[in-house]
Amino acid sequence: MMDNEGLAYRVIEAVAQKSGKSPESLSPPLYDVIDPDALDALMAHSSEDVRVSFKYNGYNVQVSGDGTVSVTSSDAMEPDPTASE
């Protein structure tokens, strides 16, 4: 279920919460990193399997097709998608 605030707002809120800053103090603005309207449009017509990942304000941000926003430190180890188990 999508809310009326859009994904861009949820990304800003999640990064602000993770960083301990207010949303207004995040710099650069999100629109300098990714087009918020394009993100909303892409994810509005995507399946749950689709994910968009980008770096913002020192964090790795992942938005899933179901509207889930996850934020991790850019220092966090990222799994190697080519590694075999």
N, C-alpha and C. Protein backbone atom coordinates (compact mmCIF):
# COMPACT_ATOMS: atom_id res chain seq x y z
N MET A 1 0.84 -1.18 0.00
CA MET A 1 0.00 0.00 0.00
C MET A 1 0.88 1.24 0.00
N MET A 2 0.68 2.13 -0.94
CA MET A 2 1.47 3.34 -1.07
C MET A 2 0.74 4.48 -0.36
N ASP A 3 1.54 5.36 0.26
CA ASP A 3 0.91 6.50 0.90
C ASP A 3 0.99 7.71 -0.02
N ASN A 4 0.38 8.81 0.38
CA ASN A 4 0.32 10.00 -0.44
C ASN A 4 1.59 10.83 -0.40
N GLU A 5 2.54 10.48 0.45
CA GLU A 5 3.75 11.28 0.60
C GLU A 5 4.80 10.93 -0.45
N GLY A 6 4.69 9.81 -1.09
CA GLY A 6 5.63 9.43 -2.13
C GLY A 6 6.91 8.83 -1.58
N LEU A 7 7.60 8.15 -2.45
CA LEU A 7 8.83 7.48 -2.06
C LEU A 7 9.93 8.46 -1.69
N ALA A 8 10.02 9.57 -2.41
CA ALA A 8 11.08 10.55 -2.12
C ALA A 8 11.00 11.02 -0.68
N TYR A 9 9.81 11.31 -0.23
CA TYR A 9 9.64 11.76 1.16
C TYR A 9 10.05 10.66 2.13
N ARG A 10 9.68 9.42 1.83
CA ARG A 10 10.05 8.32 2.71
C ARG A 10 11.55 8.07 2.71
N VAL A 11 12.21 8.27 1.57
CA VAL A 11 13.67 8.15 1.52
C VAL A 11 14.31 9.21 2.40
N ILE A 12 13.87 10.44 2.28
CA ILE A 12 14.42 11.54 3.08
C ILE A 12 14.21 11.28 4.57
N GLU A 13 13.01 10.86 4.94
CA GLU A 13 12.71 10.56 6.34
C GLU A 13 13.60 9.43 6.86
N ALA A 14 13.79 8.38 6.07
CA ALA A 14 14.58 7.23 6.51
C ALA A 14 16.05 7.61 6.68
N VAL A 15 16.60 8.37 5.75
CA VAL A 15 18.00 8.80 5.85
C VAL A 15 18.17 9.76 7.02
N ALA A 16 17.23 10.66 7.21
CA ALA A 16 17.30 11.59 8.33
C ALA A 16 17.28 10.83 9.66
N GLN A 17 16.39 9.86 9.78
CA GLN A 17 16.31 9.08 11.00
C GLN A 17 17.60 8.32 11.25
N LYS A 18 18.15 7.70 10.22
CA LYS A 18 19.37 6.91 10.36
C LYS A 18 20.55 7.80 10.74
N SER A 19 20.59 9.02 10.21
CA SER A 19 21.72 9.92 10.45
C SER A 19 21.55 10.78 11.70
N GLY A 20 20.33 10.78 12.26
CA GLY A 20 20.08 11.60 13.44
C GLY A 20 19.94 13.09 13.12
N LYS A 21 19.66 13.40 11.87
CA LYS A 21 19.49 14.79 11.43
C LYS A 21 18.03 15.04 11.10
N SER A 22 17.69 16.31 10.97
CA SER A 22 16.34 16.64 10.52
C SER A 22 16.31 16.52 9.00
N PRO A 23 15.16 16.19 8.44
CA PRO A 23 15.07 16.08 6.98
C PRO A 23 15.51 17.35 6.26
N GLU A 24 15.22 18.49 6.85
CA GLU A 24 15.56 19.77 6.22
C GLU A 24 17.06 20.02 6.18
N SER A 25 17.81 19.37 7.06
CA SER A 25 19.25 19.63 7.12
C SER A 25 20.08 18.71 6.23
N LEU A 26 19.45 17.73 5.58
CA LEU A 26 20.19 16.83 4.71
C LEU A 26 20.72 17.60 3.49
N SER A 27 21.97 17.37 3.19
CA SER A 27 22.59 18.06 2.07
C SER A 27 23.52 17.10 1.36
N PRO A 28 23.46 17.00 0.06
CA PRO A 28 22.66 17.78 -0.88
C PRO A 28 21.20 17.34 -0.84
N PRO A 29 20.32 18.15 -1.44
CA PRO A 29 18.92 17.72 -1.53
C PRO A 29 18.81 16.45 -2.35
N LEU A 30 17.81 15.65 -2.06
CA LEU A 30 17.63 14.37 -2.75
C LEU A 30 17.57 14.56 -4.26
N TYR A 31 16.92 15.62 -4.73
CA TYR A 31 16.78 15.82 -6.18
C TYR A 31 18.11 16.08 -6.88
N ASP A 32 19.18 16.35 -6.13
CA ASP A 32 20.51 16.45 -6.74
C ASP A 32 21.13 15.08 -6.97
N VAL A 33 20.55 14.05 -6.36
CA VAL A 33 21.10 12.70 -6.44
C VAL A 33 20.25 11.80 -7.35
N ILE A 34 18.93 11.93 -7.25
CA ILE A 34 18.01 11.10 -8.04
C ILE A 34 16.75 11.92 -8.30
N ASP A 35 16.13 11.70 -9.42
CA ASP A 35 14.91 12.42 -9.78
C ASP A 35 13.74 11.80 -9.02
N PRO A 36 13.19 12.52 -8.03
CA PRO A 36 12.10 11.95 -7.21
C PRO A 36 10.87 11.56 -8.02
N ASP A 37 10.53 12.36 -9.03
CA ASP A 37 9.35 12.03 -9.85
C ASP A 37 9.59 10.76 -10.66
N ALA A 38 10.81 10.61 -11.18
CA ALA A 38 11.13 9.39 -11.93
C ALA A 38 11.12 8.17 -11.02
N LEU A 39 11.62 8.33 -9.80
CA LEU A 39 11.60 7.22 -8.83
C LEU A 39 10.16 6.80 -8.55
N ASP A 40 9.30 7.77 -8.27
CA ASP A 40 7.89 7.47 -8.01
C ASP A 40 7.24 6.78 -9.20
N ALA A 41 7.50 7.30 -10.40
CA ALA A 41 6.88 6.74 -11.61
C ALA A 41 7.38 5.32 -11.87
N LEU A 42 8.67 5.11 -11.73
CA LEU A 42 9.24 3.78 -11.96
C LEU A 42 8.67 2.76 -10.99
N MET A 43 8.65 3.11 -9.73
CA MET A 43 8.22 2.15 -8.72
C MET A 43 6.70 1.97 -8.71
N ALA A 44 5.96 2.93 -9.19
CA ALA A 44 4.49 2.80 -9.23
C ALA A 44 4.04 1.70 -10.18
N HIS A 45 4.87 1.41 -11.16
CA HIS A 45 4.50 0.41 -12.18
C HIS A 45 5.41 -0.80 -12.14
N SER A 46 6.02 -1.06 -10.99
CA SER A 46 6.97 -2.15 -10.86
C SER A 46 6.42 -3.27 -9.99
N SER A 47 6.98 -4.44 -10.19
CA SER A 47 6.62 -5.57 -9.34
C SER A 47 7.44 -5.50 -8.06
N GLU A 48 7.10 -6.33 -7.10
CA GLU A 48 7.82 -6.36 -5.84
C GLU A 48 9.28 -6.76 -6.02
N ASP A 49 9.59 -7.42 -7.13
CA ASP A 49 10.96 -7.88 -7.38
C ASP A 49 11.91 -6.76 -7.79
N VAL A 50 11.38 -5.63 -8.21
CA VAL A 50 12.22 -4.52 -8.68
C VAL A 50 12.81 -3.77 -7.50
N ARG A 51 14.10 -3.43 -7.63
CA ARG A 51 14.77 -2.64 -6.60
C ARG A 51 15.60 -1.56 -7.26
N VAL A 52 15.59 -0.38 -6.67
CA VAL A 52 16.43 0.72 -7.11
C VAL A 52 17.36 1.05 -5.96
N SER A 53 18.65 1.08 -6.25
CA SER A 53 19.65 1.38 -5.21
C SER A 53 20.47 2.58 -5.62
N PHE A 54 20.79 3.42 -4.64
CA PHE A 54 21.63 4.58 -4.89
C PHE A 54 22.24 5.03 -3.57
N LYS A 55 23.26 5.86 -3.66
CA LYS A 55 23.90 6.41 -2.47
C LYS A 55 23.36 7.82 -2.24
N TYR A 56 23.07 8.11 -0.97
CA TYR A 56 22.58 9.44 -0.62
C TYR A 56 23.03 9.79 0.79
N ASN A 57 23.69 10.91 0.91
CA ASN A 57 24.09 11.47 2.19
C ASN A 57 24.94 10.48 3.00
N GLY A 58 25.79 9.73 2.31
CA GLY A 58 26.67 8.79 2.99
C GLY A 58 26.04 7.44 3.31
N TYR A 59 24.87 7.17 2.77
CA TYR A 59 24.17 5.92 3.02
C TYR A 59 23.81 5.23 1.71
N ASN A 60 23.70 3.92 1.78
CA ASN A 60 23.16 3.15 0.67
C ASN A 60 21.65 3.07 0.87
N VAL A 61 20.91 3.47 -0.14
CA VAL A 61 19.45 3.46 -0.08
C VAL A 61 18.94 2.44 -1.08
N GLN A 62 18.01 1.61 -0.66
CA GLN A 62 17.38 0.66 -1.57
C GLN A 62 15.87 0.81 -1.44
N VAL A 63 15.23 1.02 -2.59
CA VAL A 63 13.78 1.13 -2.64
C VAL A 63 13.27 -0.09 -3.41
N SER A 64 12.35 -0.81 -2.80
CA SER A 64 11.80 -2.01 -3.41
C SER A 64 10.46 -1.71 -4.07
N GLY A 65 10.07 -2.58 -4.99
CA GLY A 65 8.82 -2.41 -5.72
C GLY A 65 7.59 -2.37 -4.84
N ASP A 66 7.70 -2.93 -3.64
CA ASP A 66 6.55 -2.90 -2.71
C ASP A 66 6.53 -1.61 -1.88
N GLY A 67 7.48 -0.69 -2.16
CA GLY A 67 7.52 0.59 -1.45
C GLY A 67 8.41 0.60 -0.23
N THR A 68 9.06 -0.52 0.07
CA THR A 68 9.95 -0.59 1.21
C THR A 68 11.21 0.22 0.94
N VAL A 69 11.61 1.03 1.92
CA VAL A 69 12.84 1.82 1.83
C VAL A 69 13.78 1.31 2.90
N SER A 70 15.00 0.90 2.50
CA SER A 70 15.98 0.50 3.50
C SER A 70 17.22 1.36 3.34
N VAL A 71 17.81 1.69 4.46
CA VAL A 71 18.99 2.57 4.50
C VAL A 71 20.06 1.88 5.32
N THR A 72 21.24 1.74 4.73
CA THR A 72 22.38 1.16 5.44
C THR A 72 23.58 2.06 5.27
N SER A 73 24.49 1.98 6.21
CA SER A 73 25.71 2.76 6.15
C SER A 73 26.48 2.38 4.90
N SER A 74 27.11 3.35 4.27
CA SER A 74 27.91 3.04 3.09
C SER A 74 29.16 2.26 3.47
N ASP A 75 29.46 2.18 4.77
CA ASP A 75 30.58 1.38 5.25
C ASP A 75 30.21 -0.09 5.37
N ALA A 76 28.90 -0.38 5.35
CA ALA A 76 28.44 -1.76 5.53
C ALA A 76 28.91 -2.62 4.36
N MET A 77 29.24 -3.83 4.68
CA MET A 77 29.66 -4.77 3.64
C MET A 77 28.47 -5.06 2.73
N GLU A 78 28.70 -4.94 1.45
CA GLU A 78 27.66 -5.26 0.49
C GLU A 78 27.91 -6.66 -0.04
N PRO A 79 26.86 -7.48 -0.14
CA PRO A 79 27.07 -8.84 -0.64
C PRO A 79 27.50 -8.80 -2.11
N ASP A 80 28.36 -9.73 -2.47
CA ASP A 80 28.82 -9.84 -3.84
C ASP A 80 27.79 -10.68 -4.60
N PRO A 81 27.07 -10.05 -5.55
CA PRO A 81 26.01 -10.79 -6.26
C PRO A 81 26.58 -11.91 -7.14
N THR A 82 27.89 -11.92 -7.40
CA THR A 82 28.47 -12.95 -8.23
C THR A 82 29.04 -14.11 -7.40
N ALA A 83 29.03 -13.96 -6.08
CA ALA A 83 29.59 -15.01 -5.21
C ALA A 83 28.64 -16.20 -5.18
N SER A 84 29.20 -17.39 -5.21
CA SER A 84 28.36 -18.59 -5.13
C SER A 84 28.35 -19.07 -3.68
N GLU A 85 27.30 -19.73 -3.32
CA GLU A 85 27.15 -20.22 -1.94
C GLU A 85 27.74 -21.58 -1.80
